[in-house]
Amino acid sequence: MPKIVDHDTRREEIAQALWRVVRRDGIRAASVRTVAAEAGWSAGAVRYYFPDQQGLIAFAMDLVARRVRERISAMEPAGTPTEIALRYLEEVIPLDTERQAEFDIWLSFTAQAQAESGAGGLRELLTPVNQGLRDLCEMLLHNLAQSGALRPDLKLDLETERLHALVDGLSLHASVQPTSSTPDRVREILRAHLEELER
């Protein structure tokens, strides 16, 4: 009987090998050849799934966003509206090893996108991820407003931008200064911010 190959699993294995290369050696080192070596595959086998580097990087970036979406989708919305919002926000901040790996990839790709001239390339790949985080902040604030938890004088579009910026900043701090921006401290700051918006 022929062996059944799970192609989705294979693609994820390759993408995770790319993550390891990028985290260890930087994004410029992430060629099909180096990723194949990291995965223990031949370059030809990697090219079977990803004919070029752009396709491989696009999949690896999408995998970051997909993992976050899957964790959020699996959450049970139990507790007060503020507690629910806090749990959702924690899923996009690097508070454990898995989320740290995802953030490292996002940060590496962001830095490389800034170094590229013109539109396209990594900038286009990052746009949906960044927009997804903004959309999450907007959804959570709208849910809080509809539940009656927020002050009625707030401008939700402005508060969305503030929350988005806060999450980005806390993510960076948690990543580069983990001894001071501990998970408990990050949660405390998030809670304090949301409580300031409450009635």
N, C-alpha and C. Protein backbone atom coordinates (compact mmCIF):
# COMPACT_ATOMS: atom_id res chain seq x y z
N MET A 1 0.85 -1.18 0.00
CA MET A 1 0.00 0.00 0.00
C MET A 1 0.90 1.25 0.00
N PRO A 2 0.63 2.23 -0.88
CA PRO A 2 1.49 3.42 -0.93
C PRO A 2 1.39 4.25 0.35
N LYS A 3 2.51 4.84 0.70
CA LYS A 3 2.56 5.67 1.90
C LYS A 3 1.77 6.95 1.67
N ILE A 4 0.92 7.31 2.65
CA ILE A 4 0.11 8.53 2.55
C ILE A 4 0.92 9.69 3.14
N VAL A 5 1.11 10.71 2.32
CA VAL A 5 1.90 11.86 2.74
C VAL A 5 0.96 13.00 3.10
N ASP A 6 1.12 13.54 4.29
CA ASP A 6 0.34 14.70 4.72
C ASP A 6 1.10 15.95 4.27
N HIS A 7 0.67 16.50 3.14
CA HIS A 7 1.41 17.62 2.55
C HIS A 7 1.33 18.88 3.41
N ASP A 8 0.21 19.09 4.09
CA ASP A 8 0.11 20.27 4.96
C ASP A 8 1.12 20.19 6.11
N THR A 9 1.26 18.98 6.68
CA THR A 9 2.23 18.79 7.75
C THR A 9 3.65 19.00 7.24
N ARG A 10 3.93 18.51 6.04
CA ARG A 10 5.26 18.71 5.44
C ARG A 10 5.55 20.20 5.26
N ARG A 11 4.58 20.94 4.77
CA ARG A 11 4.78 22.38 4.57
C ARG A 11 5.06 23.08 5.90
N GLU A 12 4.33 22.67 6.93
CA GLU A 12 4.56 23.29 8.24
C GLU A 12 5.94 22.94 8.79
N GLU A 13 6.39 21.70 8.56
CA GLU A 13 7.73 21.31 9.00
C GLU A 13 8.80 22.17 8.31
N ILE A 14 8.61 22.43 7.04
CA ILE A 14 9.56 23.26 6.30
C ILE A 14 9.52 24.69 6.83
N ALA A 15 8.31 25.21 7.06
CA ALA A 15 8.17 26.57 7.57
C ALA A 15 8.81 26.70 8.95
N GLN A 16 8.66 25.68 9.78
CA GLN A 16 9.27 25.73 11.10
C GLN A 16 10.79 25.66 11.02
N ALA A 17 11.30 24.94 10.02
CA ALA A 17 12.76 24.94 9.79
C ALA A 17 13.21 26.34 9.39
N LEU A 18 12.43 27.02 8.57
CA LEU A 18 12.75 28.40 8.21
C LEU A 18 12.75 29.28 9.45
N TRP A 19 11.76 29.10 10.31
CA TRP A 19 11.72 29.87 11.56
C TRP A 19 13.02 29.70 12.33
N ARG A 20 13.50 28.44 12.44
CA ARG A 20 14.72 28.19 13.22
C ARG A 20 15.93 28.87 12.59
N VAL A 21 16.02 28.82 11.27
CA VAL A 21 17.14 29.47 10.57
C VAL A 21 17.09 30.98 10.80
N VAL A 22 15.91 31.56 10.66
CA VAL A 22 15.77 33.01 10.81
C VAL A 22 16.09 33.43 12.25
N ARG A 23 15.61 32.69 13.22
CA ARG A 23 15.85 33.05 14.61
C ARG A 23 17.33 32.91 14.99
N ARG A 24 17.99 31.96 14.38
CA ARG A 24 19.39 31.70 14.71
C ARG A 24 20.36 32.56 13.89
N ASP A 25 20.09 32.67 12.58
CA ASP A 25 21.07 33.27 11.66
C ASP A 25 20.58 34.52 10.93
N GLY A 26 19.30 34.88 11.12
CA GLY A 26 18.77 36.05 10.42
C GLY A 26 18.08 35.68 9.12
N ILE A 27 17.23 36.59 8.66
CA ILE A 27 16.41 36.28 7.49
C ILE A 27 17.22 36.14 6.21
N ARG A 28 18.34 36.84 6.11
CA ARG A 28 19.15 36.75 4.90
C ARG A 28 19.74 35.35 4.71
N ALA A 29 19.83 34.59 5.79
CA ALA A 29 20.37 33.23 5.70
C ALA A 29 19.31 32.21 5.29
N ALA A 30 18.08 32.64 5.17
CA ALA A 30 16.98 31.70 4.93
C ALA A 30 16.79 31.44 3.44
N SER A 31 17.68 30.68 2.85
CA SER A 31 17.54 30.25 1.46
C SER A 31 16.90 28.87 1.43
N VAL A 32 16.50 28.44 0.25
CA VAL A 32 15.94 27.10 0.12
C VAL A 32 16.96 26.07 0.58
N ARG A 33 18.24 26.30 0.25
CA ARG A 33 19.30 25.35 0.62
C ARG A 33 19.48 25.26 2.14
N THR A 34 19.54 26.41 2.83
CA THR A 34 19.76 26.38 4.28
C THR A 34 18.54 25.83 5.02
N VAL A 35 17.36 26.16 4.52
CA VAL A 35 16.14 25.65 5.15
C VAL A 35 16.04 24.14 4.94
N ALA A 36 16.41 23.67 3.76
CA ALA A 36 16.40 22.23 3.49
C ALA A 36 17.36 21.50 4.44
N ALA A 37 18.56 22.07 4.62
CA ALA A 37 19.53 21.45 5.53
C ALA A 37 19.00 21.43 6.96
N GLU A 38 18.36 22.51 7.37
CA GLU A 38 17.80 22.58 8.72
C GLU A 38 16.70 21.54 8.92
N ALA A 39 15.90 21.33 7.88
CA ALA A 39 14.79 20.38 7.96
C ALA A 39 15.25 18.94 7.77
N GLY A 40 16.51 18.76 7.31
CA GLY A 40 17.00 17.41 7.03
C GLY A 40 16.48 16.86 5.72
N TRP A 41 16.16 17.74 4.80
CA TRP A 41 15.63 17.37 3.50
C TRP A 41 16.60 17.79 2.41
N SER A 42 16.35 17.31 1.21
CA SER A 42 17.11 17.81 0.06
C SER A 42 16.49 19.11 -0.42
N ALA A 43 17.29 19.94 -1.09
CA ALA A 43 16.75 21.19 -1.64
C ALA A 43 15.64 20.90 -2.63
N GLY A 44 15.77 19.81 -3.38
CA GLY A 44 14.74 19.44 -4.35
C GLY A 44 13.41 19.12 -3.68
N ALA A 45 13.47 18.47 -2.51
CA ALA A 45 12.24 18.14 -1.79
C ALA A 45 11.55 19.41 -1.30
N VAL A 46 12.34 20.38 -0.82
CA VAL A 46 11.76 21.64 -0.37
C VAL A 46 11.15 22.38 -1.55
N ARG A 47 11.85 22.39 -2.69
CA ARG A 47 11.33 23.08 -3.88
C ARG A 47 10.06 22.44 -4.43
N TYR A 48 9.85 21.16 -4.11
CA TYR A 48 8.61 20.51 -4.52
C TYR A 48 7.41 21.23 -3.90
N TYR A 49 7.58 21.64 -2.64
CA TYR A 49 6.50 22.34 -1.94
C TYR A 49 6.56 23.84 -2.14
N PHE A 50 7.77 24.37 -2.24
CA PHE A 50 7.95 25.82 -2.38
C PHE A 50 8.99 26.07 -3.48
N PRO A 51 8.52 26.30 -4.70
CA PRO A 51 9.46 26.47 -5.82
C PRO A 51 10.44 27.62 -5.67
N ASP A 52 10.06 28.64 -4.88
CA ASP A 52 10.98 29.77 -4.70
C ASP A 52 10.96 30.24 -3.25
N GLN A 53 11.93 31.08 -2.92
CA GLN A 53 12.07 31.57 -1.56
C GLN A 53 10.88 32.43 -1.15
N GLN A 54 10.34 33.20 -2.09
CA GLN A 54 9.21 34.07 -1.78
C GLN A 54 8.01 33.26 -1.30
N GLY A 55 7.73 32.15 -1.97
CA GLY A 55 6.62 31.31 -1.56
C GLY A 55 6.83 30.70 -0.19
N LEU A 56 8.06 30.31 0.09
CA LEU A 56 8.39 29.74 1.40
C LEU A 56 8.23 30.78 2.50
N ILE A 57 8.72 31.98 2.27
CA ILE A 57 8.62 33.05 3.27
C ILE A 57 7.15 33.43 3.48
N ALA A 58 6.39 33.51 2.38
CA ALA A 58 4.97 33.85 2.50
C ALA A 58 4.23 32.82 3.35
N PHE A 59 4.52 31.54 3.14
CA PHE A 59 3.86 30.50 3.92
C PHE A 59 4.28 30.58 5.39
N ALA A 60 5.57 30.82 5.63
CA ALA A 60 6.06 30.91 7.00
C ALA A 60 5.42 32.07 7.75
N MET A 61 5.23 33.19 7.04
CA MET A 61 4.60 34.35 7.67
C MET A 61 3.12 34.07 7.92
N ASP A 62 2.47 33.43 6.97
CA ASP A 62 1.05 33.09 7.14
C ASP A 62 0.86 32.10 8.29
N LEU A 63 1.85 31.23 8.49
CA LEU A 63 1.75 30.26 9.58
C LEU A 63 1.71 30.96 10.93
N VAL A 64 2.45 32.06 11.08
CA VAL A 64 2.40 32.84 12.31
C VAL A 64 0.97 33.31 12.56
N ALA A 65 0.38 33.95 11.54
CA ALA A 65 -0.97 34.48 11.68
C ALA A 65 -1.99 33.36 11.93
N ARG A 66 -1.80 32.24 11.24
CA ARG A 66 -2.76 31.14 11.37
C ARG A 66 -2.72 30.54 12.78
N ARG A 67 -1.55 30.40 13.33
CA ARG A 67 -1.45 29.85 14.69
C ARG A 67 -2.14 30.75 15.70
N VAL A 68 -1.95 32.05 15.55
CA VAL A 68 -2.61 32.98 16.47
C VAL A 68 -4.13 32.87 16.32
N ARG A 69 -4.61 32.85 15.07
CA ARG A 69 -6.06 32.74 14.83
C ARG A 69 -6.61 31.45 15.42
N GLU A 70 -5.89 30.35 15.28
CA GLU A 70 -6.36 29.07 15.80
C GLU A 70 -6.46 29.08 17.32
N ARG A 71 -5.47 29.69 17.98
CA ARG A 71 -5.53 29.78 19.44
C ARG A 71 -6.71 30.63 19.88
N ILE A 72 -6.90 31.74 19.20
CA ILE A 72 -8.00 32.64 19.57
C ILE A 72 -9.35 31.97 19.32
N SER A 73 -9.46 31.27 18.19
CA SER A 73 -10.73 30.59 17.86
C SER A 73 -11.06 29.49 18.86
N ALA A 74 -10.04 28.90 19.46
CA ALA A 74 -10.26 27.80 20.39
C ALA A 74 -10.61 28.27 21.80
N MET A 75 -10.51 29.57 22.05
CA MET A 75 -10.76 30.08 23.39
C MET A 75 -12.25 30.09 23.73
N GLU A 76 -12.53 29.82 24.99
CA GLU A 76 -13.91 29.90 25.49
C GLU A 76 -14.13 31.29 26.08
N PRO A 77 -15.12 32.04 25.58
CA PRO A 77 -15.35 33.40 26.09
C PRO A 77 -16.06 33.40 27.44
N ALA A 78 -15.33 33.01 28.48
CA ALA A 78 -15.91 32.96 29.83
C ALA A 78 -15.30 34.04 30.70
N GLY A 79 -16.10 34.59 31.60
CA GLY A 79 -15.62 35.63 32.50
C GLY A 79 -16.23 36.98 32.15
N THR A 80 -15.75 38.01 32.81
CA THR A 80 -16.24 39.36 32.51
C THR A 80 -15.74 39.80 31.14
N PRO A 81 -16.39 40.79 30.53
CA PRO A 81 -15.90 41.27 29.22
C PRO A 81 -14.44 41.68 29.24
N THR A 82 -14.00 42.32 30.33
CA THR A 82 -12.59 42.75 30.42
C THR A 82 -11.67 41.54 30.53
N GLU A 83 -12.05 40.54 31.30
CA GLU A 83 -11.23 39.34 31.44
C GLU A 83 -11.11 38.61 30.10
N ILE A 84 -12.19 38.56 29.36
CA ILE A 84 -12.17 37.93 28.04
C ILE A 84 -11.23 38.69 27.11
N ALA A 85 -11.35 40.02 27.10
CA ALA A 85 -10.48 40.84 26.24
C ALA A 85 -9.01 40.62 26.60
N LEU A 86 -8.70 40.57 27.88
CA LEU A 86 -7.32 40.36 28.32
C LEU A 86 -6.78 39.03 27.83
N ARG A 87 -7.58 37.97 27.92
CA ARG A 87 -7.11 36.65 27.47
C ARG A 87 -6.85 36.65 25.97
N TYR A 88 -7.70 37.30 25.21
CA TYR A 88 -7.48 37.38 23.76
C TYR A 88 -6.19 38.13 23.45
N LEU A 89 -5.98 39.25 24.12
CA LEU A 89 -4.79 40.07 23.86
C LEU A 89 -3.51 39.32 24.23
N GLU A 90 -3.56 38.53 25.30
CA GLU A 90 -2.37 37.78 25.70
C GLU A 90 -1.92 36.80 24.63
N GLU A 91 -2.84 36.35 23.79
CA GLU A 91 -2.47 35.37 22.76
C GLU A 91 -1.59 35.96 21.67
N VAL A 92 -1.50 37.28 21.57
CA VAL A 92 -0.69 37.89 20.51
C VAL A 92 0.59 38.52 21.07
N ILE A 93 0.85 38.33 22.36
CA ILE A 93 2.04 38.88 23.00
C ILE A 93 2.97 37.73 23.37
N PRO A 94 4.28 37.86 23.17
CA PRO A 94 5.20 36.74 23.43
C PRO A 94 5.41 36.46 24.91
N LEU A 95 4.46 35.75 25.51
CA LEU A 95 4.51 35.44 26.94
C LEU A 95 4.97 34.01 27.22
N ASP A 96 5.22 33.22 26.17
CA ASP A 96 5.76 31.88 26.35
C ASP A 96 6.65 31.55 25.15
N THR A 97 7.22 30.37 25.15
CA THR A 97 8.19 29.99 24.12
C THR A 97 7.58 29.99 22.73
N GLU A 98 6.37 29.45 22.60
CA GLU A 98 5.72 29.38 21.29
C GLU A 98 5.44 30.77 20.74
N ARG A 99 4.87 31.63 21.57
CA ARG A 99 4.55 32.99 21.11
C ARG A 99 5.82 33.81 20.88
N GLN A 100 6.89 33.49 21.62
CA GLN A 100 8.16 34.18 21.40
C GLN A 100 8.71 33.85 20.02
N ALA A 101 8.62 32.58 19.62
CA ALA A 101 9.09 32.18 18.29
C ALA A 101 8.31 32.91 17.21
N GLU A 102 7.00 32.99 17.38
CA GLU A 102 6.16 33.69 16.40
C GLU A 102 6.54 35.17 16.32
N PHE A 103 6.75 35.78 17.48
CA PHE A 103 7.10 37.20 17.48
C PHE A 103 8.47 37.44 16.87
N ASP A 104 9.42 36.55 17.13
CA ASP A 104 10.75 36.68 16.54
C ASP A 104 10.68 36.69 15.02
N ILE A 105 9.85 35.82 14.47
CA ILE A 105 9.70 35.77 13.01
C ILE A 105 9.07 37.05 12.51
N TRP A 106 8.00 37.48 13.16
CA TRP A 106 7.33 38.73 12.75
C TRP A 106 8.31 39.89 12.81
N LEU A 107 9.11 39.98 13.88
CA LEU A 107 10.04 41.09 14.05
C LEU A 107 11.16 41.03 13.01
N SER A 108 11.67 39.84 12.73
CA SER A 108 12.72 39.70 11.71
C SER A 108 12.21 40.12 10.34
N PHE A 109 10.99 39.69 10.01
CA PHE A 109 10.41 40.05 8.72
C PHE A 109 10.13 41.55 8.65
N THR A 110 9.68 42.12 9.77
CA THR A 110 9.41 43.56 9.80
C THR A 110 10.70 44.36 9.57
N ALA A 111 11.77 43.96 10.25
CA ALA A 111 13.05 44.66 10.08
C ALA A 111 13.54 44.56 8.64
N GLN A 112 13.40 43.39 8.04
CA GLN A 112 13.84 43.22 6.66
C GLN A 112 12.96 44.03 5.70
N ALA A 113 11.66 44.09 5.99
CA ALA A 113 10.75 44.86 5.14
C ALA A 113 11.12 46.34 5.16
N GLN A 114 11.54 46.84 6.33
CA GLN A 114 11.95 48.23 6.44
C GLN A 114 13.22 48.51 5.64
N ALA A 115 14.05 47.49 5.50
CA ALA A 115 15.31 47.66 4.76
C ALA A 115 15.10 47.60 3.25
N GLU A 116 13.98 47.02 2.83
CA GLU A 116 13.69 46.93 1.40
C GLU A 116 13.19 48.26 0.88
N SER A 117 13.53 48.57 -0.34
CA SER A 117 13.04 49.80 -0.95
C SER A 117 11.78 49.52 -1.76
N GLY A 118 10.84 50.46 -1.69
CA GLY A 118 9.62 50.33 -2.48
C GLY A 118 8.60 49.40 -1.86
N ALA A 119 7.48 49.32 -2.54
CA ALA A 119 6.38 48.47 -2.07
C ALA A 119 6.60 47.03 -2.51
N GLY A 120 5.73 46.16 -2.04
CA GLY A 120 5.80 44.77 -2.43
C GLY A 120 6.65 43.96 -1.47
N GLY A 121 6.99 42.73 -1.86
CA GLY A 121 7.84 41.89 -1.05
C GLY A 121 7.28 41.63 0.32
N LEU A 122 8.16 41.74 1.32
CA LEU A 122 7.76 41.46 2.69
C LEU A 122 6.70 42.42 3.21
N ARG A 123 6.72 43.64 2.73
CA ARG A 123 5.71 44.61 3.20
C ARG A 123 4.31 44.08 2.92
N GLU A 124 4.12 43.52 1.74
CA GLU A 124 2.79 42.99 1.40
C GLU A 124 2.43 41.80 2.27
N LEU A 125 3.44 40.99 2.64
CA LEU A 125 3.16 39.83 3.48
C LEU A 125 2.81 40.23 4.90
N LEU A 126 3.40 41.33 5.37
CA LEU A 126 3.18 41.77 6.74
C LEU A 126 1.86 42.51 6.92
N THR A 127 1.37 43.13 5.85
CA THR A 127 0.17 43.96 5.96
C THR A 127 -1.02 43.19 6.54
N PRO A 128 -1.33 41.97 6.06
CA PRO A 128 -2.48 41.26 6.64
C PRO A 128 -2.28 40.90 8.12
N VAL A 129 -1.04 40.62 8.51
CA VAL A 129 -0.77 40.28 9.91
C VAL A 129 -1.01 41.50 10.79
N ASN A 130 -0.46 42.63 10.37
CA ASN A 130 -0.64 43.87 11.15
C ASN A 130 -2.11 44.29 11.18
N GLN A 131 -2.79 44.14 10.04
CA GLN A 131 -4.20 44.49 9.99
C GLN A 131 -5.03 43.56 10.87
N GLY A 132 -4.62 42.29 10.92
CA GLY A 132 -5.33 41.33 11.77
C GLY A 132 -5.25 41.71 13.23
N LEU A 133 -4.09 42.21 13.68
CA LEU A 133 -3.95 42.64 15.07
C LEU A 133 -4.80 43.87 15.34
N ARG A 134 -4.80 44.80 14.39
CA ARG A 134 -5.65 45.99 14.55
C ARG A 134 -7.12 45.60 14.62
N ASP A 135 -7.53 44.67 13.75
CA ASP A 135 -8.92 44.21 13.73
C ASP A 135 -9.30 43.56 15.06
N LEU A 136 -8.35 42.80 15.64
CA LEU A 136 -8.61 42.17 16.94
C LEU A 136 -8.84 43.23 18.00
N CYS A 137 -7.98 44.25 18.03
CA CYS A 137 -8.13 45.34 19.01
C CYS A 137 -9.48 46.03 18.83
N GLU A 138 -9.86 46.28 17.59
CA GLU A 138 -11.13 46.95 17.30
C GLU A 138 -12.31 46.09 17.74
N MET A 139 -12.26 44.79 17.45
CA MET A 139 -13.34 43.89 17.81
C MET A 139 -13.52 43.82 19.33
N LEU A 140 -12.40 43.72 20.05
CA LEU A 140 -12.48 43.61 21.50
C LEU A 140 -13.05 44.88 22.12
N LEU A 141 -12.64 46.03 21.62
CA LEU A 141 -13.17 47.29 22.15
C LEU A 141 -14.66 47.45 21.82
N HIS A 142 -15.06 47.07 20.63
CA HIS A 142 -16.48 47.13 20.28
C HIS A 142 -17.30 46.20 21.16
N ASN A 143 -16.75 45.01 21.43
CA ASN A 143 -17.45 44.08 22.32
C ASN A 143 -17.59 44.65 23.73
N LEU A 144 -16.53 45.30 24.20
CA LEU A 144 -16.60 45.92 25.53
C LEU A 144 -17.62 47.05 25.55
N ALA A 145 -17.65 47.84 24.46
CA ALA A 145 -18.62 48.94 24.39
C ALA A 145 -20.04 48.41 24.35
N GLN A 146 -20.28 47.36 23.56
CA GLN A 146 -21.64 46.81 23.45
C GLN A 146 -22.09 46.17 24.75
N SER A 147 -21.14 45.69 25.56
CA SER A 147 -21.51 45.10 26.84
C SER A 147 -21.77 46.17 27.90
N GLY A 148 -21.49 47.43 27.55
CA GLY A 148 -21.68 48.52 28.50
C GLY A 148 -20.51 48.73 29.44
N ALA A 149 -19.37 48.10 29.16
CA ALA A 149 -18.24 48.19 30.07
C ALA A 149 -17.42 49.46 29.89
N LEU A 150 -17.50 50.10 28.70
CA LEU A 150 -16.65 51.26 28.43
C LEU A 150 -17.38 52.58 28.68
N ARG A 151 -16.58 53.60 28.96
CA ARG A 151 -17.14 54.94 29.11
C ARG A 151 -17.75 55.39 27.78
N PRO A 152 -18.90 56.04 27.81
CA PRO A 152 -19.58 56.42 26.56
C PRO A 152 -18.88 57.55 25.80
N ASP A 153 -17.97 58.28 26.46
CA ASP A 153 -17.33 59.41 25.80
C ASP A 153 -16.12 59.01 24.96
N LEU A 154 -15.76 57.73 24.97
CA LEU A 154 -14.55 57.29 24.26
C LEU A 154 -14.75 57.30 22.75
N LYS A 155 -13.69 57.64 22.02
CA LYS A 155 -13.67 57.52 20.57
C LYS A 155 -13.03 56.18 20.23
N LEU A 156 -13.86 55.24 19.78
CA LEU A 156 -13.36 53.87 19.62
C LEU A 156 -12.29 53.75 18.55
N ASP A 157 -12.34 54.60 17.51
CA ASP A 157 -11.28 54.50 16.50
C ASP A 157 -9.93 54.91 17.09
N LEU A 158 -9.93 55.95 17.92
CA LEU A 158 -8.71 56.38 18.59
C LEU A 158 -8.24 55.34 19.59
N GLU A 159 -9.17 54.78 20.36
CA GLU A 159 -8.80 53.77 21.35
C GLU A 159 -8.29 52.49 20.70
N THR A 160 -8.79 52.19 19.51
CA THR A 160 -8.27 51.04 18.76
C THR A 160 -6.80 51.24 18.44
N GLU A 161 -6.45 52.44 17.96
CA GLU A 161 -5.06 52.73 17.62
C GLU A 161 -4.19 52.69 18.88
N ARG A 162 -4.70 53.21 19.98
CA ARG A 162 -3.93 53.20 21.23
C ARG A 162 -3.68 51.78 21.72
N LEU A 163 -4.71 50.95 21.68
CA LEU A 163 -4.56 49.58 22.13
C LEU A 163 -3.61 48.81 21.22
N HIS A 164 -3.73 49.02 19.92
CA HIS A 164 -2.84 48.37 18.95
C HIS A 164 -1.39 48.75 19.25
N ALA A 165 -1.14 50.03 19.47
CA ALA A 165 0.22 50.50 19.78
C ALA A 165 0.72 49.92 21.11
N LEU A 166 -0.17 49.83 22.09
CA LEU A 166 0.21 49.28 23.38
C LEU A 166 0.61 47.81 23.24
N VAL A 167 -0.17 47.05 22.50
CA VAL A 167 0.13 45.63 22.31
C VAL A 167 1.45 45.45 21.58
N ASP A 168 1.67 46.25 20.53
CA ASP A 168 2.95 46.19 19.81
C ASP A 168 4.11 46.51 20.76
N GLY A 169 3.96 47.57 21.55
CA GLY A 169 5.03 47.97 22.46
C GLY A 169 5.30 46.94 23.54
N LEU A 170 4.24 46.39 24.13
CA LEU A 170 4.41 45.37 25.16
C LEU A 170 5.05 44.11 24.58
N SER A 171 4.71 43.78 23.35
CA SER A 171 5.30 42.61 22.69
C SER A 171 6.81 42.81 22.53
N LEU A 172 7.20 43.99 22.09
CA LEU A 172 8.62 44.28 21.92
C LEU A 172 9.35 44.24 23.25
N HIS A 173 8.76 44.86 24.27
CA HIS A 173 9.39 44.87 25.59
C HIS A 173 9.50 43.46 26.16
N ALA A 174 8.45 42.67 26.03
CA ALA A 174 8.49 41.30 26.54
C ALA A 174 9.56 40.47 25.85
N SER A 175 9.81 40.81 24.59
CA SER A 175 10.79 40.06 23.81
C SER A 175 12.22 40.47 24.14
N VAL A 176 12.49 41.78 24.20
CA VAL A 176 13.87 42.24 24.33
C VAL A 176 14.30 42.49 25.78
N GLN A 177 13.33 42.65 26.69
CA GLN A 177 13.70 42.84 28.10
C GLN A 177 12.80 42.00 29.00
N PRO A 178 12.90 40.67 28.84
CA PRO A 178 11.98 39.78 29.55
C PRO A 178 12.13 39.79 31.07
N THR A 179 13.28 40.21 31.58
CA THR A 179 13.45 40.20 33.03
C THR A 179 12.64 41.30 33.71
N SER A 180 12.40 42.41 32.99
CA SER A 180 11.58 43.48 33.57
C SER A 180 10.15 43.44 33.03
N SER A 181 9.98 43.12 31.75
CA SER A 181 8.63 43.00 31.18
C SER A 181 8.19 41.55 31.25
N THR A 182 7.98 41.09 32.48
CA THR A 182 7.58 39.71 32.71
C THR A 182 6.12 39.51 32.28
N PRO A 183 5.70 38.25 32.09
CA PRO A 183 4.29 38.02 31.77
C PRO A 183 3.33 38.66 32.77
N ASP A 184 3.64 38.56 34.07
CA ASP A 184 2.77 39.17 35.07
C ASP A 184 2.71 40.69 34.91
N ARG A 185 3.86 41.30 34.64
CA ARG A 185 3.89 42.76 34.47
C ARG A 185 3.12 43.16 33.22
N VAL A 186 3.27 42.43 32.14
CA VAL A 186 2.54 42.72 30.91
C VAL A 186 1.04 42.63 31.15
N ARG A 187 0.62 41.59 31.83
CA ARG A 187 -0.81 41.44 32.14
C ARG A 187 -1.32 42.59 33.01
N GLU A 188 -0.49 43.01 33.96
CA GLU A 188 -0.87 44.10 34.84
C GLU A 188 -1.06 45.40 34.05
N ILE A 189 -0.17 45.66 33.10
CA ILE A 189 -0.26 46.88 32.28
C ILE A 189 -1.50 46.83 31.38
N LEU A 190 -1.73 45.68 30.76
CA LEU A 190 -2.92 45.54 29.91
C LEU A 190 -4.20 45.76 30.70
N ARG A 191 -4.26 45.13 31.89
CA ARG A 191 -5.46 45.27 32.72
C ARG A 191 -5.66 46.73 33.13
N ALA A 192 -4.57 47.39 33.53
CA ALA A 192 -4.68 48.79 33.95
C ALA A 192 -5.18 49.67 32.80
N HIS A 193 -4.71 49.38 31.60
CA HIS A 193 -5.17 50.18 30.45
C HIS A 193 -6.66 49.97 30.20
N LEU A 194 -7.11 48.74 30.20
CA LEU A 194 -8.52 48.47 29.93
C LEU A 194 -9.40 49.03 31.06
N GLU A 195 -8.92 48.93 32.28
CA GLU A 195 -9.72 49.46 33.40
C GLU A 195 -9.85 50.97 33.34
N GLU A 196 -8.88 51.65 32.76
CA GLU A 196 -8.98 53.11 32.57
C GLU A 196 -10.09 53.48 31.58
N LEU A 197 -10.45 52.54 30.72
CA LEU A 197 -11.48 52.80 29.72
C LEU A 197 -12.88 52.46 30.23
N GLU A 198 -12.94 51.82 31.37
CA GLU A 198 -14.22 51.36 31.88
C GLU A 198 -15.02 52.52 32.50
N ARG A 199 -16.30 52.29 32.64
CA ARG A 199 -17.20 53.27 33.26
C ARG A 199 -16.81 53.53 34.71
